[in-house]
Amino acid sequence: MNEFDKPRRISPKVYSLIVSAIILAFGTGYGLSLVGQGLAARAGNSVTVTGQARTNATADNAVWTLNAQESSQSAAAAVTKVEKSVAALTNYLVAGGIPAAAIETGGVNTNAINEYINGNPTGRVLSYQANQNLTVRSKDVNLVNSLSNGIGKLLQTGVNINNYGPQFYVSNLAALRPTLLAQAMVDAKARGISMTKAVGSKLGSVIAVSSGPVQVTSPDSVDTSGGGMYDTTTIPKTVTVTVSVSFKVK
């Protein structure tokens, strides 16, 4: 047997290093597996649910903007006509029960209506147009709504009035919000209990809470907006609040 065929013995020092490396590798792998399991358990030991609460509300504030618009061959004549239209509109509102103090009249604006031929201005003024805004602010929302619906009688007299329709608002919205948020939290907890019970777990304490925007809609509407919705076209309204709640799971 020559020198190269003789088996080489591993020195005790090298053997010790190899064993230490194996133990270290095993320990590291096992430790990482425990960390992974711990993170997985932590990530899976919570549930996030949405809670919702809604209530009916009635608008108690109305803002109604109207616009009188007239035209004539001169600016002065157009202003005179629009002032008569505003006076007739004011009389209609006051006779209908709106206090004069609740009526705000804006300034008169005029503009020239120029002549165009084939898209090119001729430099000739065809007529002048004058317009003036009038705004009603009232808490008698039903009266405002009735006068808006009946304004056709005034239009039949020949005045030119643009009715943009009243806008109705709920003044106690800020007072409703805390109660609705509390009810939404109760709803979220009830949903969380149902979900965890179905899989044999128990709902724990709250980890995090966030609330969504308030949605003010017409009754029975399903419209929502990410930034919140406020429908002003109806007197009866539905106010909805949502919350997102994360719970620990036992």
Protein backbone atom coordinates (compact mmCIF):
# COMPACT_ATOMS: atom_id res chain seq x y z
CA MET A 1 0.00 0.00 0.00
CA ASN A 2 1.52 3.28 -1.03
CA GLU A 3 1.27 6.59 0.77
CA PHE A 4 -1.73 7.79 -1.27
CA ASP A 5 -3.84 4.68 -0.52
CA LYS A 6 -3.59 5.08 3.26
CA PRO A 7 -6.85 6.40 4.87
CA ARG A 8 -6.47 9.87 6.31
CA ARG A 9 -7.65 10.42 9.86
CA ILE A 10 -9.55 13.57 10.72
CA SER A 11 -7.91 15.48 13.47
CA PRO A 12 -9.95 16.10 16.63
CA LYS A 13 -9.84 19.83 15.96
CA VAL A 14 -11.31 19.56 12.45
CA TYR A 15 -13.90 17.04 13.67
CA SER A 16 -14.98 19.47 16.38
CA LEU A 17 -15.37 22.28 13.85
CA ILE A 18 -17.54 20.13 11.55
CA VAL A 19 -19.84 19.06 14.38
CA SER A 20 -20.17 22.66 15.58
CA ALA A 21 -21.08 23.81 12.07
CA ILE A 22 -23.78 21.11 11.75
CA ILE A 23 -25.26 22.02 15.14
CA LEU A 24 -25.20 25.73 14.27
CA ALA A 25 -26.90 25.15 10.90
CA PHE A 26 -29.60 23.03 12.48
CA GLY A 27 -30.17 25.51 15.26
CA THR A 28 -30.38 28.42 12.85
CA GLY A 29 -32.84 26.61 10.62
CA TYR A 30 -34.98 25.55 13.55
CA GLY A 31 -34.93 29.06 14.99
CA LEU A 32 -35.95 30.60 11.70
CA SER A 33 -38.79 28.10 11.41
CA LEU A 34 -40.02 29.13 14.86
CA VAL A 35 -39.83 32.81 13.90
CA GLY A 36 -41.76 32.10 10.73
CA GLN A 37 -44.39 30.19 12.66
CA GLY A 38 -44.63 33.01 15.19
CA LEU A 39 -45.11 35.64 12.48
CA ALA A 40 -47.67 33.49 10.73
CA ALA A 41 -49.54 32.97 13.99
CA ARG A 42 -49.45 36.69 14.76
CA ALA A 43 -50.68 37.59 11.28
CA GLY A 44 -53.45 35.01 11.44
CA ASN A 45 -54.62 35.82 14.99
CA SER A 46 -56.75 38.80 14.01
CA VAL A 47 -59.87 39.52 12.04
CA THR A 48 -61.06 42.77 10.46
CA VAL A 49 -64.78 43.42 10.04
CA THR A 50 -66.95 46.30 8.86
CA GLY A 51 -69.75 47.64 11.01
CA GLN A 52 -72.57 49.84 9.80
CA ALA A 53 -75.27 51.99 11.37
CA ARG A 54 -77.93 54.16 9.78
CA THR A 55 -80.80 56.35 10.80
CA ASN A 56 -83.51 58.43 9.18
CA ALA A 57 -83.18 62.21 9.33
CA THR A 58 -85.26 65.16 8.20
CA ALA A 59 -83.77 68.29 6.66
CA ASP A 60 -84.45 71.44 8.66
CA ASN A 61 -82.63 74.02 6.55
CA ALA A 62 -83.33 75.12 2.98
CA VAL A 63 -81.21 77.23 0.64
CA TRP A 64 -83.00 78.15 -2.58
CA THR A 65 -81.27 80.08 -5.36
CA LEU A 66 -83.19 81.59 -8.27
CA ASN A 67 -82.05 83.75 -11.17
CA ALA A 68 -83.95 86.43 -13.05
CA GLN A 69 -82.78 86.98 -16.61
CA GLU A 70 -84.00 89.49 -19.19
CA SER A 71 -82.71 90.93 -22.48
CA SER A 72 -83.34 94.13 -24.43
CA GLN A 73 -81.83 96.35 -27.11
CA SER A 74 -80.07 98.47 -24.51
CA ALA A 75 -78.33 97.62 -21.26
CA ALA A 76 -80.49 100.08 -19.32
CA ALA A 77 -83.70 98.55 -20.62
CA ALA A 78 -82.47 95.04 -19.80
CA VAL A 79 -81.66 96.12 -16.22
CA THR A 80 -85.09 97.69 -15.83
CA LYS A 81 -86.78 94.50 -17.02
CA VAL A 82 -84.74 92.25 -14.72
CA GLU A 83 -85.48 94.48 -11.74
CA LYS A 84 -89.21 94.14 -12.45
CA SER A 85 -88.82 90.37 -12.64
CA VAL A 86 -86.99 90.28 -9.31
CA ALA A 87 -89.70 92.45 -7.75
CA ALA A 88 -92.38 90.07 -9.05
CA LEU A 89 -90.43 87.09 -7.71
CA THR A 90 -90.01 88.76 -4.31
CA ASN A 91 -93.74 89.48 -4.14
CA TYR A 92 -94.47 85.83 -4.97
CA LEU A 93 -92.21 84.62 -2.18
CA VAL A 94 -93.45 87.07 0.46
CA ALA A 95 -97.09 86.41 -0.45
CA GLY A 96 -96.32 82.71 -0.12
CA GLY A 97 -95.07 83.14 3.44
CA ILE A 98 -91.33 83.76 3.13
CA PRO A 99 -90.21 86.67 5.38
CA ALA A 100 -88.52 89.51 3.53
CA ALA A 101 -85.51 89.14 5.86
CA ALA A 102 -84.99 85.59 4.54
CA ILE A 103 -84.57 86.82 0.96
CA GLU A 104 -81.11 87.90 -0.23
CA THR A 105 -80.81 89.74 -3.54
CA GLY A 106 -77.52 89.86 -5.41
CA GLY A 107 -76.19 92.51 -7.76
CA VAL A 108 -77.28 92.96 -11.37
CA ASN A 109 -74.92 91.72 -14.08
CA THR A 110 -75.10 92.72 -17.74
CA ASN A 111 -73.40 91.44 -20.87
CA ALA A 112 -73.62 92.20 -24.57
CA ILE A 113 -74.86 89.60 -27.05
CA ASN A 114 -72.63 90.06 -30.08
CA GLU A 115 -73.43 89.12 -33.66
CA TYR A 116 -71.45 86.35 -35.38
CA ILE A 117 -71.51 85.33 -39.03
CA ASN A 118 -69.90 82.01 -39.93
CA GLY A 119 -68.24 82.01 -36.53
CA ASN A 120 -66.70 85.44 -37.01
CA PRO A 121 -67.73 88.52 -34.96
CA THR A 122 -69.17 91.41 -36.96
CA GLY A 123 -68.67 94.00 -34.23
CA ARG A 124 -72.43 94.54 -34.01
CA VAL A 125 -74.29 94.11 -30.70
CA LEU A 126 -77.59 92.30 -31.13
CA SER A 127 -78.91 92.88 -27.61
CA TYR A 128 -78.00 93.21 -23.96
CA GLN A 129 -78.71 90.67 -21.27
CA ALA A 130 -79.14 91.37 -17.57
CA ASN A 131 -79.43 88.84 -14.76
CA GLN A 132 -79.73 88.89 -10.99
CA ASN A 133 -79.62 86.14 -8.36
CA LEU A 134 -82.02 85.83 -5.46
CA THR A 135 -81.40 83.43 -2.55
CA VAL A 136 -83.89 82.24 0.04
CA ARG A 137 -82.68 80.83 3.37
CA SER A 138 -85.34 79.27 5.55
CA LYS A 139 -85.95 76.59 8.17
CA ASP A 140 -89.46 76.03 6.84
CA VAL A 141 -88.35 73.39 4.35
CA ASN A 142 -91.89 72.31 3.45
CA LEU A 143 -92.92 75.87 2.58
CA VAL A 144 -89.84 76.35 0.39
CA ASN A 145 -90.49 73.05 -1.35
CA SER A 146 -94.13 74.00 -2.00
CA LEU A 147 -93.20 77.42 -3.43
CA SER A 148 -90.59 75.85 -5.67
CA ASN A 149 -93.10 73.35 -7.03
CA GLY A 150 -95.68 76.10 -7.64
CA ILE A 151 -93.45 78.69 -9.30
CA GLY A 152 -95.01 77.88 -12.67
CA LYS A 153 -97.83 80.29 -11.81
CA LEU A 154 -95.32 83.12 -11.64
CA LEU A 155 -93.67 82.11 -14.90
CA GLN A 156 -97.05 82.25 -16.63
CA THR A 157 -97.09 86.02 -16.01
CA GLY A 158 -94.19 86.47 -18.42
CA VAL A 159 -91.22 86.88 -16.09
CA ASN A 160 -88.08 84.94 -16.94
CA ILE A 161 -86.94 83.07 -13.81
CA ASN A 162 -84.46 80.20 -13.66
CA ASN A 163 -85.32 77.91 -10.74
CA TYR A 164 -82.31 75.82 -9.71
CA GLY A 165 -84.35 74.07 -7.02
CA PRO A 166 -83.94 74.25 -3.25
CA GLN A 167 -81.17 72.45 -1.40
CA PHE A 168 -82.11 70.79 1.88
CA TYR A 169 -79.66 70.25 4.75
CA VAL A 170 -79.66 68.48 8.13
CA SER A 171 -78.35 70.84 10.80
CA ASN A 172 -77.81 68.24 13.57
CA LEU A 173 -75.56 65.94 11.54
CA ALA A 174 -72.65 66.49 13.94
CA ALA A 175 -74.83 65.39 16.85
CA LEU A 176 -75.94 62.23 15.03
CA ARG A 177 -72.43 61.06 14.17
CA PRO A 178 -71.22 59.92 17.65
CA THR A 179 -74.33 57.81 18.24
CA LEU A 180 -74.07 56.22 14.81
CA LEU A 181 -70.38 55.45 15.30
CA ALA A 182 -71.15 53.68 18.58
CA GLN A 183 -73.89 51.65 16.92
CA ALA A 184 -71.56 50.77 14.05
CA MET A 185 -68.98 49.49 16.55
CA VAL A 186 -71.61 47.24 18.15
CA ASP A 187 -72.52 45.94 14.70
CA ALA A 188 -68.85 45.25 13.90
CA LYS A 189 -68.42 43.32 17.15
CA ALA A 190 -71.53 41.22 16.46
CA ARG A 191 -70.24 40.36 13.00
CA GLY A 192 -66.81 39.50 14.39
CA ILE A 193 -68.34 37.17 17.00
CA SER A 194 -70.36 35.37 14.33
CA MET A 195 -67.32 34.92 12.11
CA THR A 196 -64.99 33.61 14.81
CA LYS A 197 -67.66 31.38 16.37
CA ALA A 198 -68.16 29.70 13.00
CA VAL A 199 -64.56 28.49 13.03
CA GLY A 200 -64.38 27.59 16.71
CA SER A 201 -62.51 30.69 17.89
CA LYS A 202 -63.34 33.59 20.17
CA LEU A 203 -63.22 37.31 19.52
CA GLY A 204 -60.63 39.19 21.53
CA SER A 205 -59.86 42.84 22.20
CA VAL A 206 -59.80 45.63 19.63
CA ILE A 207 -56.51 46.16 17.78
CA ALA A 208 -57.40 49.06 15.48
CA VAL A 209 -60.42 51.12 14.43
CA SER A 210 -61.04 53.43 11.47
CA SER A 211 -64.25 55.17 10.40
CA GLY A 212 -65.45 55.85 6.89
CA PRO A 213 -67.10 59.04 5.62
CA VAL A 214 -70.70 59.87 6.49
CA GLN A 215 -73.15 59.16 3.68
CA VAL A 216 -76.26 61.37 3.57
CA THR A 217 -78.58 60.05 0.89
CA SER A 218 -82.21 60.07 -0.14
CA PRO A 219 -84.27 57.32 1.50
CA ASP A 220 -83.63 53.81 0.15
CA SER A 221 -80.68 55.02 -1.94
CA VAL A 222 -77.66 52.74 -2.32
CA ASP A 223 -75.37 55.48 -3.63
CA THR A 224 -72.07 55.98 -1.81
CA SER A 225 -68.90 57.97 -2.33
CA GLY A 226 -65.36 57.38 -1.14
CA GLY A 227 -65.20 60.94 0.13
CA GLY A 228 -68.72 60.94 1.55
CA MET A 229 -72.02 61.82 -0.09
CA TYR A 230 -74.51 64.55 0.77
CA ASP A 231 -77.73 64.50 -1.22
CA THR A 232 -79.52 67.87 -0.95
CA THR A 233 -82.51 67.22 -3.21
CA THR A 234 -84.85 65.61 -0.67
CA ILE A 235 -86.22 66.60 2.73
CA PRO A 236 -86.27 63.06 4.20
CA LYS A 237 -82.79 61.54 4.27
CA THR A 238 -80.87 58.47 5.40
CA VAL A 239 -77.60 58.97 7.28
CA THR A 240 -75.15 56.03 7.18
CA VAL A 241 -71.84 55.53 9.01
CA THR A 242 -69.35 52.65 8.62
CA VAL A 243 -66.36 51.57 10.71
CA SER A 244 -63.58 49.07 10.08
CA VAL A 245 -62.49 47.25 13.25
CA SER A 246 -59.63 44.76 13.74
CA PHE A 247 -60.00 42.32 16.66
CA LYS A 248 -57.64 39.80 18.19
CA VAL A 249 -58.74 36.19 17.80
CA LYS A 250 -58.31 33.78 20.74
